[in-house]
Amino acid sequence: MYLPVAFRVDDEAQVRDFVADRGSATLVTVGPDGQPDASLLPVLWEDDLVVAHLARANDHWRRIATGGAADGAPALLVVTGPEAYVSPSWYPSKAEHGRVVPTWNYSAVHLRGRVTVRDDAEWLRGVVTRLTDRHETGRELPWAVGDAPERYLERQLRAIVGVCLRVESVEAKAKWSQNRSDEDRAGVLAGLPDPAAQSRVRSGSL
């Protein structure tokens, strides 16, 4: 990730909260033929592990090339947040000197590490249960894994495969006009229609 100092986020708690709030990530790996694969997955970041699952019918899991390494294959998880086009017309400095160009503001986290495939029904049940609890908590009528008939649940678990990424590096970026003047940032804030993007300009955070 290109990471200028002005946009770098080093607060681990903030980064973990961001990943938890987004709830999903794109897993990127390279297959044995050298071709890249990418799948959007629901994820949980637990200690130094990110756990997820994908459909057994998705060939991505078969193409995760470990090269015989017991610790798994190199992988990248991409977590994206709010993003927005920024028009140079929003900058007061445009009227002053005209030396402005369009840009794109966004939040993103990259997690790198080694990924392994898990084809263990009990492990998968645990991951699915924790993912469900994470997203159902707070709902008026939360659904639980135990609500489904056991035989049906067993069939559904056989239809998925788990993946587990051991996180080795974390890069986080919040690019929200922090490198502009206060006046230009005020212009961006006024120009953005998305409340989520506006809050990022105010805070300069993920």
Protein backbone atom coordinates (compact mmCIF):
# COMPACT_ATOMS: atom_id res chain seq x y z
CA MET A 1 0.00 0.00 0.00
CA TYR A 2 1.25 3.49 -0.86
CA LEU A 3 1.23 5.08 2.58
CA PRO A 4 2.23 8.75 2.95
CA VAL A 5 2.76 9.76 6.57
CA ALA A 6 -0.21 12.16 6.52
CA PHE A 7 -2.62 9.30 5.83
CA ARG A 8 -1.07 6.51 7.89
CA VAL A 9 -3.06 5.03 10.80
CA ASP A 10 -1.01 3.27 13.49
CA ASP A 11 -3.62 2.93 16.24
CA GLU A 12 -4.22 -0.85 16.40
CA ALA A 13 -7.48 -0.53 18.30
CA GLN A 14 -8.84 1.84 15.66
CA VAL A 15 -7.74 -0.49 12.86
CA ARG A 16 -9.34 -3.53 14.52
CA ASP A 17 -12.56 -1.61 15.12
CA PHE A 18 -12.60 -0.60 11.46
CA VAL A 19 -12.20 -4.20 10.27
CA ALA A 20 -14.88 -5.40 12.71
CA ASP A 21 -17.26 -2.66 11.61
CA ARG A 22 -16.80 -3.44 7.90
CA GLY A 23 -17.26 -7.17 8.53
CA SER A 24 -15.85 -8.36 5.20
CA ALA A 25 -12.60 -8.43 3.28
CA THR A 26 -11.30 -9.47 -0.13
CA LEU A 27 -8.89 -12.39 0.09
CA VAL A 28 -6.20 -12.26 -2.61
CA THR A 29 -3.88 -15.20 -3.31
CA VAL A 30 -1.90 -16.52 -6.27
CA GLY A 31 -2.67 -19.95 -7.69
CA PRO A 32 -0.17 -22.59 -8.80
CA ASP A 33 -0.37 -21.24 -12.37
CA GLY A 34 0.68 -17.76 -11.22
CA GLN A 35 -2.79 -16.29 -11.76
CA PRO A 36 -4.32 -14.23 -8.93
CA ASP A 37 -7.60 -15.13 -7.24
CA ALA A 38 -9.83 -12.84 -5.18
CA SER A 39 -12.93 -13.59 -3.08
CA LEU A 40 -15.01 -11.29 -0.88
CA LEU A 41 -15.54 -13.04 2.46
CA PRO A 42 -17.16 -12.33 5.83
CA VAL A 43 -14.30 -12.18 8.34
CA LEU A 44 -13.50 -12.15 12.03
CA TRP A 45 -10.13 -10.84 13.27
CA GLU A 46 -9.34 -12.73 16.48
CA ASP A 47 -5.95 -12.04 18.13
CA ASP A 48 -3.44 -12.62 15.30
CA LEU A 49 -5.79 -14.71 13.15
CA VAL A 50 -8.46 -13.76 10.62
CA VAL A 51 -11.00 -16.53 10.08
CA ALA A 52 -13.52 -16.82 7.27
CA HIS A 53 -15.23 -19.30 4.96
CA LEU A 54 -16.13 -19.60 1.32
CA ALA A 55 -18.31 -21.87 -0.77
CA ARG A 56 -16.88 -25.30 -1.48
CA ALA A 57 -17.99 -24.72 -5.09
CA ASN A 58 -15.64 -21.71 -5.23
CA ASP A 59 -12.41 -23.05 -6.73
CA HIS A 60 -10.38 -20.37 -4.95
CA TRP A 61 -9.70 -22.57 -1.93
CA ARG A 62 -8.30 -25.34 -4.13
CA ARG A 63 -6.00 -22.85 -5.85
CA ILE A 64 -4.37 -21.57 -2.68
CA ALA A 65 -0.84 -22.70 -3.49
CA THR A 66 1.16 -23.49 -0.36
CA GLY A 67 4.15 -24.83 -2.24
CA GLY A 68 4.36 -27.51 0.43
CA ALA A 69 4.77 -24.92 3.21
CA ALA A 70 3.19 -26.12 6.45
CA ASP A 71 2.44 -22.53 7.51
CA GLY A 72 0.33 -21.84 4.43
CA ALA A 73 0.41 -19.61 1.36
CA PRO A 74 1.13 -15.86 1.14
CA ALA A 75 -2.08 -13.87 1.11
CA LEU A 76 -3.46 -10.35 1.26
CA LEU A 77 -6.76 -9.32 2.85
CA VAL A 78 -8.14 -5.98 1.64
CA VAL A 79 -10.72 -4.20 3.79
CA THR A 80 -12.27 -1.10 2.28
CA GLY A 81 -14.40 1.62 3.83
CA PRO A 82 -16.04 4.86 2.76
CA GLU A 83 -14.68 6.49 -0.40
CA ALA A 84 -15.47 9.55 -2.47
CA TYR A 85 -14.42 11.57 -5.50
CA VAL A 86 -13.10 15.02 -4.62
CA SER A 87 -13.61 17.80 -7.15
CA PRO A 88 -10.98 20.56 -7.29
CA SER A 89 -13.89 22.98 -7.68
CA TRP A 90 -14.55 22.50 -3.97
CA TYR A 91 -11.20 24.01 -3.00
CA PRO A 92 -11.14 27.77 -2.29
CA SER A 93 -7.51 27.61 -3.41
CA LYS A 94 -8.75 26.96 -6.98
CA ALA A 95 -9.82 30.59 -7.18
CA GLU A 96 -6.52 31.75 -5.69
CA HIS A 97 -3.98 30.00 -7.92
CA GLY A 98 -5.67 27.19 -9.87
CA ARG A 99 -2.99 24.65 -8.96
CA VAL A 100 -5.45 21.91 -7.99
CA VAL A 101 -6.47 18.56 -9.46
CA PRO A 102 -9.14 15.94 -8.71
CA THR A 103 -8.43 13.19 -6.18
CA TRP A 104 -10.09 10.26 -4.44
CA ASN A 105 -10.54 10.00 -0.68
CA TYR A 106 -10.90 6.61 1.02
CA SER A 107 -10.24 4.34 3.99
CA ALA A 108 -8.50 0.97 3.59
CA VAL A 109 -6.69 -1.69 5.61
CA HIS A 110 -4.34 -4.33 4.20
CA LEU A 111 -3.59 -7.45 6.24
CA ARG A 112 -0.82 -9.71 5.00
CA GLY A 113 0.14 -13.15 6.21
CA ARG A 114 -0.07 -16.85 5.45
CA VAL A 115 -3.41 -18.49 4.76
CA THR A 116 -4.38 -22.10 5.33
CA VAL A 117 -7.51 -24.01 4.33
CA ARG A 118 -9.60 -25.60 7.09
CA ASP A 119 -11.97 -28.42 6.17
CA ASP A 120 -13.11 -29.32 9.69
CA ALA A 121 -16.86 -29.33 10.41
CA GLU A 122 -16.55 -28.41 14.09
CA TRP A 123 -14.08 -25.59 13.38
CA LEU A 124 -16.38 -24.29 10.65
CA ARG A 125 -19.40 -24.49 12.96
CA GLY A 126 -17.53 -22.36 15.48
CA VAL A 127 -16.61 -19.74 12.87
CA VAL A 128 -20.15 -19.60 11.46
CA THR A 129 -21.58 -19.32 14.97
CA ARG A 130 -19.27 -16.45 15.91
CA LEU A 131 -19.90 -14.65 12.62
CA THR A 132 -23.65 -15.02 13.09
CA ASP A 133 -23.53 -13.80 16.67
CA ARG A 134 -21.43 -10.81 15.58
CA HIS A 135 -23.97 -9.67 12.98
CA GLU A 136 -27.20 -10.70 14.69
CA THR A 137 -26.41 -9.11 18.06
CA GLY A 138 -28.61 -6.08 18.64
CA ARG A 139 -31.34 -7.15 16.22
CA GLU A 140 -34.89 -7.25 17.55
CA LEU A 141 -35.27 -10.92 16.61
CA PRO A 142 -31.72 -12.28 16.29
CA TRP A 143 -31.26 -15.51 14.37
CA ALA A 144 -28.93 -18.15 15.86
CA VAL A 145 -27.19 -21.08 14.22
CA GLY A 146 -29.11 -23.38 16.54
CA ASP A 147 -32.39 -22.18 15.04
CA ALA A 148 -31.78 -24.28 11.93
CA PRO A 149 -32.56 -28.02 11.91
CA GLU A 150 -29.41 -30.00 12.68
CA ARG A 151 -29.44 -32.13 9.52
CA TYR A 152 -29.93 -29.03 7.38
CA LEU A 153 -27.09 -27.27 9.21
CA GLU A 154 -24.78 -30.24 8.64
CA ARG A 155 -25.47 -30.10 4.90
CA GLN A 156 -24.79 -26.37 4.83
CA LEU A 157 -21.49 -26.83 6.69
CA ARG A 158 -20.43 -29.46 4.14
CA ALA A 159 -21.00 -26.85 1.42
CA ILE A 160 -18.35 -24.45 2.77
CA VAL A 161 -14.62 -24.48 3.45
CA GLY A 162 -12.77 -22.44 6.05
CA VAL A 163 -9.72 -20.24 5.62
CA CYS A 164 -7.46 -18.92 8.34
CA LEU A 165 -4.95 -16.09 7.86
CA ARG A 166 -2.18 -15.56 10.42
CA VAL A 167 -1.58 -11.81 10.30
CA GLU A 168 2.06 -10.84 9.82
CA SER A 169 1.70 -7.18 8.84
CA VAL A 170 -0.95 -4.47 9.01
CA GLU A 171 -1.19 -1.32 6.90
CA ALA A 172 -4.00 1.17 7.41
CA LYS A 173 -4.76 4.31 5.44
CA ALA A 174 -7.26 7.10 5.96
CA LYS A 175 -6.91 9.57 3.06
CA TRP A 176 -9.36 12.35 3.89
CA SER A 177 -7.75 15.60 2.70
CA GLN A 178 -5.45 15.86 5.74
CA ASN A 179 -2.78 17.31 3.40
CA ARG A 180 -5.00 20.24 2.38
CA SER A 181 -5.42 23.60 4.09
CA ASP A 182 -8.22 24.10 6.61
CA GLU A 183 -10.08 26.16 3.99
CA ASP A 184 -9.80 23.47 1.34
CA ARG A 185 -10.88 20.79 3.80
CA ALA A 186 -13.94 22.89 4.65
CA GLY A 187 -14.70 23.04 0.93
CA VAL A 188 -14.41 19.24 0.65
CA LEU A 189 -16.67 18.81 3.66
CA ALA A 190 -19.30 21.05 2.07
CA GLY A 191 -19.02 19.28 -1.28
CA LEU A 192 -19.29 15.66 -0.13
CA PRO A 193 -22.89 14.33 -0.11
CA ASP A 194 -22.14 11.20 1.96
CA PRO A 195 -22.41 11.64 5.77
CA ALA A 196 -19.90 8.79 6.32
CA ALA A 197 -17.36 10.55 4.11
CA GLN A 198 -18.05 13.87 5.81
CA SER A 199 -17.33 12.37 9.23
CA ARG A 200 -13.97 11.06 7.96
CA VAL A 201 -12.98 14.51 6.73
CA ARG A 202 -13.80 15.92 10.16
CA SER A 203 -11.87 13.25 12.05
CA GLY A 204 -9.15 12.34 9.55
CA SER A 205 -9.54 8.74 10.70
CA LEU A 206 -10.65 5.40 9.30
